């Protein structure tokens, strides 16, 4: 009988298409239980279905694996920036390893990790959304060093409920066909338009987009939601 041909190597698995990758990181020593709820809310608001991948927790290595095996267009990080008890002086993302153990990586590593998967390097990643307090220093590093074309982040502290609503509105607008600028504007307006019933029974605005650390003399002013920013390469 003719010799048996050698086994052929299996073809590499096809890339999965992903409109949005979400990392919801709640470290054990500084829990953020709302991060997981936010991830689900954003996924449902986007209506992208299986093209949204959620990781409840995740390390930097997990992110690298996801981006390597999935053609990802957008990345949303919900968690801490430079979490409490960190010995790092510079701000960085607070990833979580198994069991909720906090993992911090140098900002330069994050720039390199994400930059490998952007259009300028043959990838699809064109948006990073850092839904975390005081995340603009990392956002600016990603844009200014050419790693990511567009970043949404927070220049100040941000109020949890307002930040969740902002992200949900932003991605819902994208799913309806808006570009990043229009979606950002709609999210700003949506947060500023949230109302609740006041003590006298009248409907009042809950939030305004200002720095929570800034003093105001108006005792009836809406709560400070924080200041979101949209950063774009070349602007």
C-alpha atoms as a PDB file:
ATOM      1  CA  UNK A   1       0.000   0.000   0.000  1.00  0.00           C
ATOM      2  CA  UNK A   2       1.148   3.580  -0.585  1.00  0.00           C
ATOM      3  CA  UNK A   3       2.771   5.284   2.382  1.00  0.00           C
ATOM      4  CA  UNK A   4       0.460   7.226   4.668  1.00  0.00           C
ATOM      5  CA  UNK A   5       0.924  10.947   4.081  1.00  0.00           C
ATOM      6  CA  UNK A   6       2.117  12.897   7.092  1.00  0.00           C
ATOM      7  CA  UNK A   7      -0.607  14.679   9.030  1.00  0.00           C
ATOM      8  CA  UNK A   8      -1.216  18.232   7.915  1.00  0.00           C
ATOM      9  CA  UNK A   9      -1.065  21.007  10.500  1.00  0.00           C
ATOM     10  CA  UNK A  10      -4.410  22.408  11.493  1.00  0.00           C
ATOM     11  CA  UNK A  11      -5.178  25.779   9.953  1.00  0.00           C
ATOM     12  CA  UNK A  12      -5.027  28.696  12.363  1.00  0.00           C
ATOM     13  CA  UNK A  13      -8.401  29.584  13.869  1.00  0.00           C
ATOM     14  CA  UNK A  14     -10.188  32.380  12.017  1.00  0.00           C
ATOM     15  CA  UNK A  15     -10.176  35.800  13.598  1.00  0.00           C
ATOM     16  CA  UNK A  16     -13.378  36.711  15.395  1.00  0.00           C
ATOM     17  CA  UNK A  17     -14.875  40.095  14.654  1.00  0.00           C
ATOM     18  CA  UNK A  18     -15.519  42.230  17.711  1.00  0.00           C
ATOM     19  CA  UNK A  19     -17.182  45.644  17.700  1.00  0.00           C
ATOM     20  CA  UNK A  20     -16.488  46.181  21.397  1.00  0.00           C
ATOM     21  CA  UNK A  21     -14.265  44.502  23.977  1.00  0.00           C
ATOM     22  CA  UNK A  22     -15.104  45.367  27.589  1.00  0.00           C
ATOM     23  CA  UNK A  23     -12.872  44.794  30.600  1.00  0.00           C
ATOM     24  CA  UNK A  24     -14.792  45.315  33.865  1.00  0.00           C
ATOM     25  CA  UNK A  25     -12.105  45.216  36.566  1.00  0.00           C
ATOM     26  CA  UNK A  26     -13.096  45.219  40.244  1.00  0.00           C
ATOM     27  CA  UNK A  27     -10.011  44.586  42.399  1.00  0.00           C
ATOM     28  CA  UNK A  28     -10.405  42.723  45.666  1.00  0.00           C
ATOM     29  CA  UNK A  29      -8.982  45.494  47.874  1.00  0.00           C
ATOM     30  CA  UNK A  30     -11.014  48.317  46.261  1.00  0.00           C
ATOM     31  CA  UNK A  31     -14.132  46.704  44.762  1.00  0.00           C
ATOM     32  CA  UNK A  32     -16.145  48.308  42.001  1.00  0.00           C
ATOM     33  CA  UNK A  33     -19.276  46.146  41.886  1.00  0.00           C
ATOM     34  CA  UNK A  34     -20.949  48.522  39.430  1.00  0.00           C
ATOM     35  CA  UNK A  35     -18.274  47.813  36.799  1.00  0.00           C
ATOM     36  CA  UNK A  36     -19.884  44.511  35.875  1.00  0.00           C
ATOM     37  CA  UNK A  37     -23.337  46.062  35.693  1.00  0.00           C
ATOM     38  CA  UNK A  38     -21.961  48.784  33.455  1.00  0.00           C
ATOM     39  CA  UNK A  39     -20.490  46.223  31.069  1.00  0.00           C
ATOM     40  CA  UNK A  40     -23.836  44.473  30.674  1.00  0.00           C
ATOM     41  CA  UNK A  41     -25.717  47.756  30.282  1.00  0.00           C
ATOM     42  CA  UNK A  42     -23.347  48.964  27.573  1.00  0.00           C
ATOM     43  CA  UNK A  43     -23.545  45.644  25.733  1.00  0.00           C
ATOM     44  CA  UNK A  44     -27.329  45.762  25.742  1.00  0.00           C
ATOM     45  CA  UNK A  45     -27.452  49.440  24.727  1.00  0.00           C
ATOM     46  CA  UNK A  46     -25.127  48.856  21.786  1.00  0.00           C
ATOM     47  CA  UNK A  47     -27.277  46.063  20.322  1.00  0.00           C
ATOM     48  CA  UNK A  48     -24.164  44.515  18.755  1.00  0.00           C
ATOM     49  CA  UNK A  49     -24.996  41.137  20.302  1.00  0.00           C
ATOM     50  CA  UNK A  50     -22.250  38.541  19.992  1.00  0.00           C
ATOM     51  CA  UNK A  51     -19.876  41.126  18.587  1.00  0.00           C
ATOM     52  CA  UNK A  52     -19.487  42.466  22.143  1.00  0.00           C
ATOM     53  CA  UNK A  53     -17.055  40.507  24.318  1.00  0.00           C
ATOM     54  CA  UNK A  54     -17.093  41.080  28.079  1.00  0.00           C
ATOM     55  CA  UNK A  55     -14.325  40.108  30.478  1.00  0.00           C
ATOM     56  CA  UNK A  56     -15.324  40.365  34.135  1.00  0.00           C
ATOM     57  CA  UNK A  57     -11.840  41.077  35.376  1.00  0.00           C
ATOM     58  CA  UNK A  58      -8.751  40.424  33.354  1.00  0.00           C
ATOM     59  CA  UNK A  59      -5.009  40.945  33.356  1.00  0.00           C
ATOM     60  CA  UNK A  60      -2.856  42.746  30.829  1.00  0.00           C
ATOM     61  CA  UNK A  61      -1.929  39.330  29.405  1.00  0.00           C
ATOM     62  CA  UNK A  62      -5.630  38.528  29.014  1.00  0.00           C
ATOM     63  CA  UNK A  63      -6.099  41.780  27.095  1.00  0.00           C
ATOM     64  CA  UNK A  64      -3.151  40.951  24.853  1.00  0.00           C
ATOM     65  CA  UNK A  65      -4.630  37.500  24.144  1.00  0.00           C
ATOM     66  CA  UNK A  66      -8.038  38.969  23.313  1.00  0.00           C
ATOM     67  CA  UNK A  67      -6.577  41.522  20.921  1.00  0.00           C
ATOM     68  CA  UNK A  68      -4.374  38.910  19.269  1.00  0.00           C
ATOM     69  CA  UNK A  69      -7.188  36.423  18.596  1.00  0.00           C
ATOM     70  CA  UNK A  70      -9.963  38.927  17.891  1.00  0.00           C
ATOM     71  CA  UNK A  71     -10.124  41.759  15.390  1.00  0.00           C
ATOM     72  CA  UNK A  72     -11.331  44.337  17.885  1.00  0.00           C
ATOM     73  CA  UNK A  73     -12.539  47.773  16.866  1.00  0.00           C
ATOM     74  CA  UNK A  74     -13.206  49.350  20.280  1.00  0.00           C
ATOM     75  CA  UNK A  75     -12.005  48.761  23.845  1.00  0.00           C
ATOM     76  CA  UNK A  76     -13.855  49.912  26.988  1.00  0.00           C
ATOM     77  CA  UNK A  77     -12.068  49.772  30.327  1.00  0.00           C
ATOM     78  CA  UNK A  78     -14.248  50.142  33.422  1.00  0.00           C
ATOM     79  CA  UNK A  79     -12.256  50.142  36.635  1.00  0.00           C
ATOM     80  CA  UNK A  80      -9.682  52.033  38.648  1.00  0.00           C
ATOM     81  CA  UNK A  81      -6.936  54.271  37.363  1.00  0.00           C
ATOM     82  CA  UNK A  82      -3.928  54.074  39.706  1.00  0.00           C
ATOM     83  CA  UNK A  83      -6.006  52.241  42.292  1.00  0.00           C
ATOM     84  CA  UNK A  84      -5.642  52.855  46.059  1.00  0.00           C
ATOM     85  CA  UNK A  85      -2.697  51.194  47.824  1.00  0.00           C
ATOM     86  CA  UNK A  86      -0.661  51.405  44.620  1.00  0.00           C
ATOM     87  CA  UNK A  87       3.042  52.116  44.956  1.00  0.00           C
ATOM     88  CA  UNK A  88       3.100  53.526  41.421  1.00  0.00           C
ATOM     89  CA  UNK A  89       3.472  57.274  41.240  1.00  0.00           C
ATOM     90  CA  UNK A  90       2.213  57.520  37.664  1.00  0.00           C
ATOM     91  CA  UNK A  91      -1.365  56.760  36.746  1.00  0.00           C
ATOM     92  CA  UNK A  92      -2.055  53.454  35.042  1.00  0.00           C
ATOM     93  CA  UNK A  93      -4.920  51.027  34.543  1.00  0.00           C
ATOM     94  CA  UNK A  94      -5.825  48.723  37.401  1.00  0.00           C
ATOM     95  CA  UNK A  95      -6.186  45.307  35.765  1.00  0.00           C
ATOM     96  CA  UNK A  96      -7.222  42.302  37.845  1.00  0.00           C
ATOM     97  CA  UNK A  97      -5.790  38.816  37.859  1.00  0.00           C
ATOM     98  CA  UNK A  98      -7.480  35.668  39.154  1.00  0.00           C
ATOM     99  CA  UNK A  99      -9.253  36.234  42.458  1.00  0.00           C
ATOM    100  CA  UNK A 100      -9.425  39.979  41.958  1.00  0.00           C
ATOM    101  CA  UNK A 101      -5.721  40.560  42.637  1.00  0.00           C
ATOM    102  CA  UNK A 102      -4.723  44.012  41.401  1.00  0.00           C
ATOM    103  CA  UNK A 103      -2.228  44.182  38.524  1.00  0.00           C
ATOM    104  CA  UNK A 104      -0.572  47.419  37.431  1.00  0.00           C
ATOM    105  CA  UNK A 105       1.513  47.807  34.291  1.00  0.00           C
ATOM    106  CA  UNK A 106       3.653  50.711  33.169  1.00  0.00           C
ATOM    107  CA  UNK A 107       1.839  53.207  30.902  1.00  0.00           C
ATOM    108  CA  UNK A 108       4.464  52.608  28.184  1.00  0.00           C
ATOM    109  CA  UNK A 109       3.539  48.914  28.158  1.00  0.00           C
ATOM    110  CA  UNK A 110      -0.119  49.806  27.711  1.00  0.00           C
ATOM    111  CA  UNK A 111       0.701  52.173  24.836  1.00  0.00           C
ATOM    112  CA  UNK A 112       2.685  49.422  23.119  1.00  0.00           C
ATOM    113  CA  UNK A 113       0.092  46.724  23.801  1.00  0.00           C
ATOM    114  CA  UNK A 114      -2.814  48.693  22.349  1.00  0.00           C
ATOM    115  CA  UNK A 115      -0.795  50.337  19.582  1.00  0.00           C
ATOM    116  CA  UNK A 116       0.023  46.953  18.013  1.00  0.00           C
ATOM    117  CA  UNK A 117      -3.645  46.505  17.060  1.00  0.00           C
ATOM    118  CA  UNK A 118      -4.548  49.902  15.598  1.00  0.00           C
ATOM    119  CA  UNK A 119      -5.155  50.644  11.895  1.00  0.00           C
ATOM    120  CA  UNK A 120      -1.657  52.092  11.436  1.00  0.00           C
ATOM    121  CA  UNK A 121      -0.299  48.640  12.337  1.00  0.00           C
ATOM    122  CA  UNK A 122      -2.795  46.597  10.349  1.00  0.00           C
ATOM    123  CA  UNK A 123      -5.372  46.176  13.108  1.00  0.00           C
ATOM    124  CA  UNK A 124      -8.887  47.510  13.649  1.00  0.00           C
ATOM    125  CA  UNK A 125      -8.654  49.169  17.080  1.00  0.00           C
ATOM    126  CA  UNK A 126      -9.622  52.817  16.589  1.00  0.00           C
ATOM    127  CA  UNK A 127     -11.226  53.731  19.936  1.00  0.00           C
ATOM    128  CA  UNK A 128     -10.275  53.291  23.585  1.00  0.00           C
ATOM    129  CA  UNK A 129     -12.799  54.403  26.222  1.00  0.00           C
ATOM    130  CA  UNK A 130     -11.337  54.740  29.732  1.00  0.00           C
ATOM    131  CA  UNK A 131     -14.350  54.981  32.028  1.00  0.00           C
ATOM    132  CA  UNK A 132     -12.404  55.758  35.163  1.00  0.00           C
ATOM    133  CA  UNK A 133     -11.578  58.794  37.273  1.00  0.00           C
ATOM    134  CA  UNK A 134      -8.707  61.058  36.193  1.00  0.00           C
ATOM    135  CA  UNK A 135      -7.844  58.912  33.191  1.00  0.00           C
ATOM    136  CA  UNK A 136      -6.886  61.722  30.822  1.00  0.00           C
ATOM    137  CA  UNK A 137      -3.124  61.398  31.370  1.00  0.00           C
ATOM    138  CA  UNK A 138      -3.229  57.852  30.022  1.00  0.00           C
ATOM    139  CA  UNK A 139      -5.643  58.866  27.279  1.00  0.00           C
ATOM    140  CA  UNK A 140      -3.345  61.649  26.126  1.00  0.00           C
ATOM    141  CA  UNK A 141      -0.358  59.308  26.136  1.00  0.00           C
ATOM    142  CA  UNK A 142      -2.243  56.864  23.911  1.00  0.00           C
ATOM    143  CA  UNK A 143      -3.158  59.589  21.412  1.00  0.00           C
ATOM    144  CA  UNK A 144       0.006  61.709  21.480  1.00  0.00           C
ATOM    145  CA  UNK A 145       2.293  58.707  21.012  1.00  0.00           C
ATOM    146  CA  UNK A 146       0.241  57.545  18.039  1.00  0.00           C
ATOM    147  CA  UNK A 147      -1.018  54.388  19.707  1.00  0.00           C
ATOM    148  CA  UNK A 148      -4.780  54.951  19.322  1.00  0.00           C
ATOM    149  CA  UNK A 149      -6.633  57.338  16.965  1.00  0.00           C
ATOM    150  CA  UNK A 150      -9.460  58.242  19.385  1.00  0.00           C
ATOM    151  CA  UNK A 151      -9.759  58.089  23.183  1.00  0.00           C
ATOM    152  CA  UNK A 152     -12.653  58.976  25.493  1.00  0.00           C
ATOM    153  CA  UNK A 153     -11.668  59.490  29.120  1.00  0.00           C
ATOM    154  CA  UNK A 154     -12.266  61.644  32.205  1.00  0.00           C
ATOM    155  CA  UNK A 155     -10.230  64.740  33.023  1.00  0.00           C
ATOM    156  CA  UNK A 156     -11.473  64.720  36.627  1.00  0.00           C
ATOM    157  CA  UNK A 157     -13.063  62.471  39.180  1.00  0.00           C
ATOM    158  CA  UNK A 158     -16.343  61.118  37.852  1.00  0.00           C
ATOM    159  CA  UNK A 159     -19.576  60.207  39.589  1.00  0.00           C
ATOM    160  CA  UNK A 160     -20.294  56.487  39.133  1.00  0.00           C
ATOM    161  CA  UNK A 161     -23.921  56.740  38.038  1.00  0.00           C
ATOM    162  CA  UNK A 162     -23.179  59.575  35.623  1.00  0.00           C
ATOM    163  CA  UNK A 163     -20.179  57.732  34.137  1.00  0.00           C
ATOM    164  CA  UNK A 164     -22.251  54.590  33.576  1.00  0.00           C
ATOM    165  CA  UNK A 165     -25.003  56.573  31.888  1.00  0.00           C
ATOM    166  CA  UNK A 166     -22.443  58.439  29.766  1.00  0.00           C
ATOM    167  CA  UNK A 167     -20.891  55.196  28.485  1.00  0.00           C
ATOM    168  CA  UNK A 168     -24.264  53.598  27.810  1.00  0.00           C
ATOM    169  CA  UNK A 169     -25.488  56.586  25.816  1.00  0.00           C
ATOM    170  CA  UNK A 170     -22.219  56.882  23.889  1.00  0.00           C
ATOM    171  CA  UNK A 171     -22.205  53.305  22.645  1.00  0.00           C
ATOM    172  CA  UNK A 172     -25.937  53.327  21.930  1.00  0.00           C
ATOM    173  CA  UNK A 173     -25.379  56.342  19.665  1.00  0.00           C
ATOM    174  CA  UNK A 174     -22.515  54.557  17.890  1.00  0.00           C
ATOM    175  CA  UNK A 175     -24.714  51.542  17.248  1.00  0.00           C
ATOM    176  CA  UNK A 176     -27.284  53.859  15.644  1.00  0.00           C
ATOM    177  CA  UNK A 177     -24.638  55.116  13.224  1.00  0.00           C
ATOM    178  CA  UNK A 178     -23.206  58.238  14.860  1.00  0.00           C
ATOM    179  CA  UNK A 179     -19.515  58.975  14.587  1.00  0.00           C
ATOM    180  CA  UNK A 180     -17.385  59.387  17.704  1.00  0.00           C
ATOM    181  CA  UNK A 181     -17.817  63.151  17.910  1.00  0.00           C
ATOM    182  CA  UNK A 182     -21.604  63.041  17.598  1.00  0.00           C
ATOM    183  CA  UNK A 183     -21.890  60.163  20.073  1.00  0.00           C
ATOM    184  CA  UNK A 184     -19.744  62.056  22.570  1.00  0.00           C
ATOM    185  CA  UNK A 185     -21.959  65.129  22.258  1.00  0.00           C
ATOM    186  CA  UNK A 186     -25.107  63.070  22.773  1.00  0.00           C
ATOM    187  CA  UNK A 187     -23.625  61.451  25.868  1.00  0.00           C
ATOM    188  CA  UNK A 188     -22.735  64.849  27.317  1.00  0.00           C
ATOM    189  CA  UNK A 189     -26.265  66.118  26.718  1.00  0.00           C
ATOM    190  CA  UNK A 190     -27.842  62.958  28.124  1.00  0.00           C
ATOM    191  CA  UNK A 191     -25.959  63.179  31.428  1.00  0.00           C
ATOM    192  CA  UNK A 192     -26.753  66.880  31.750  1.00  0.00           C
ATOM    193  CA  UNK A 193     -30.443  66.113  31.122  1.00  0.00           C
ATOM    194  CA  UNK A 194     -30.978  63.464  33.827  1.00  0.00           C
ATOM    195  CA  UNK A 195     -33.674  64.668  36.206  1.00  0.00           C
ATOM    196  CA  UNK A 196     -35.126  63.571  39.538  1.00  0.00           C
ATOM    197  CA  UNK A 197     -37.870  64.829  41.771  1.00  0.00           C
ATOM    198  CA  UNK A 198     -36.645  67.426  44.255  1.00  0.00           C
ATOM    199  CA  UNK A 199     -37.770  68.052  47.809  1.00  0.00           C
ATOM    200  CA  UNK A 200     -40.538  70.373  46.661  1.00  0.00           C
ATOM    201  CA  UNK A 201     -41.836  67.797  44.176  1.00  0.00           C
ATOM    202  CA  UNK A 202     -40.514  69.592  41.110  1.00  0.00           C
ATOM    203  CA  UNK A 203     -38.221  67.859  38.615  1.00  0.00           C
ATOM    204  CA  UNK A 204     -34.630  69.073  38.870  1.00  0.00           C
ATOM    205  CA  UNK A 205     -31.405  68.282  37.030  1.00  0.00           C
ATOM    206  CA  UNK A 206     -29.280  65.696  38.804  1.00  0.00           C
ATOM    207  CA  UNK A 207     -25.899  66.353  37.173  1.00  0.00           C
ATOM    208  CA  UNK A 208     -23.797  68.911  35.419  1.00  0.00           C
ATOM    209  CA  UNK A 209     -20.465  68.330  33.726  1.00  0.00           C
ATOM    210  CA  UNK A 210     -18.011  69.997  36.078  1.00  0.00           C
ATOM    211  CA  UNK A 211     -15.119  69.053  38.338  1.00  0.00           C
ATOM    212  CA  UNK A 212     -16.385  67.468  41.593  1.00  0.00           C
ATOM    213  CA  UNK A 213     -13.422  69.032  43.415  1.00  0.00           C
ATOM    214  CA  UNK A 214     -14.309  72.576  42.297  1.00  0.00           C
ATOM    215  CA  UNK A 215     -16.161  74.668  44.850  1.00  0.00           C
ATOM    216  CA  UNK A 216     -19.567  76.156  44.048  1.00  0.00           C
ATOM    217  CA  UNK A 217     -21.529  78.729  46.017  1.00  0.00           C
ATOM    218  CA  UNK A 218     -24.851  77.516  44.629  1.00  0.00           C
ATOM    219  CA  UNK A 219     -26.332  75.102  47.161  1.00  0.00           C
ATOM    220  CA  UNK A 220     -28.988  74.100  44.634  1.00  0.00           C
ATOM    221  CA  UNK A 221     -26.542  73.306  41.848  1.00  0.00           C
ATOM    222  CA  UNK A 222     -26.778  69.817  40.340  1.00  0.00           C
ATOM    223  CA  UNK A 223     -24.214  67.272  41.457  1.00  0.00           C
ATOM    224  CA  UNK A 224     -20.886  67.351  39.653  1.00  0.00           C
ATOM    225  CA  UNK A 225     -20.655  64.472  37.202  1.00  0.00           C
ATOM    226  CA  UNK A 226     -17.049  65.100  36.215  1.00  0.00           C
ATOM    227  CA  UNK A 227     -15.552  66.344  32.955  1.00  0.00           C
ATOM    228  CA  UNK A 228     -15.319  63.847  30.078  1.00  0.00           C
ATOM    229  CA  UNK A 229     -12.938  64.515  27.188  1.00  0.00           C
ATOM    230  CA  UNK A 230     -12.693  63.307  23.616  1.00  0.00           C
ATOM    231  CA  UNK A 231      -9.108  63.061  22.367  1.00  0.00           C
ATOM    232  CA  UNK A 232      -8.173  62.583  18.734  1.00  0.00           C
ATOM    233  CA  UNK A 233      -4.850  62.108  17.028  1.00  0.00           C
ATOM    234  CA  UNK A 234      -3.667  65.187  15.188  1.00  0.00           C
ATOM    235  CA  UNK A 235      -5.942  67.647  17.023  1.00  0.00           C
END
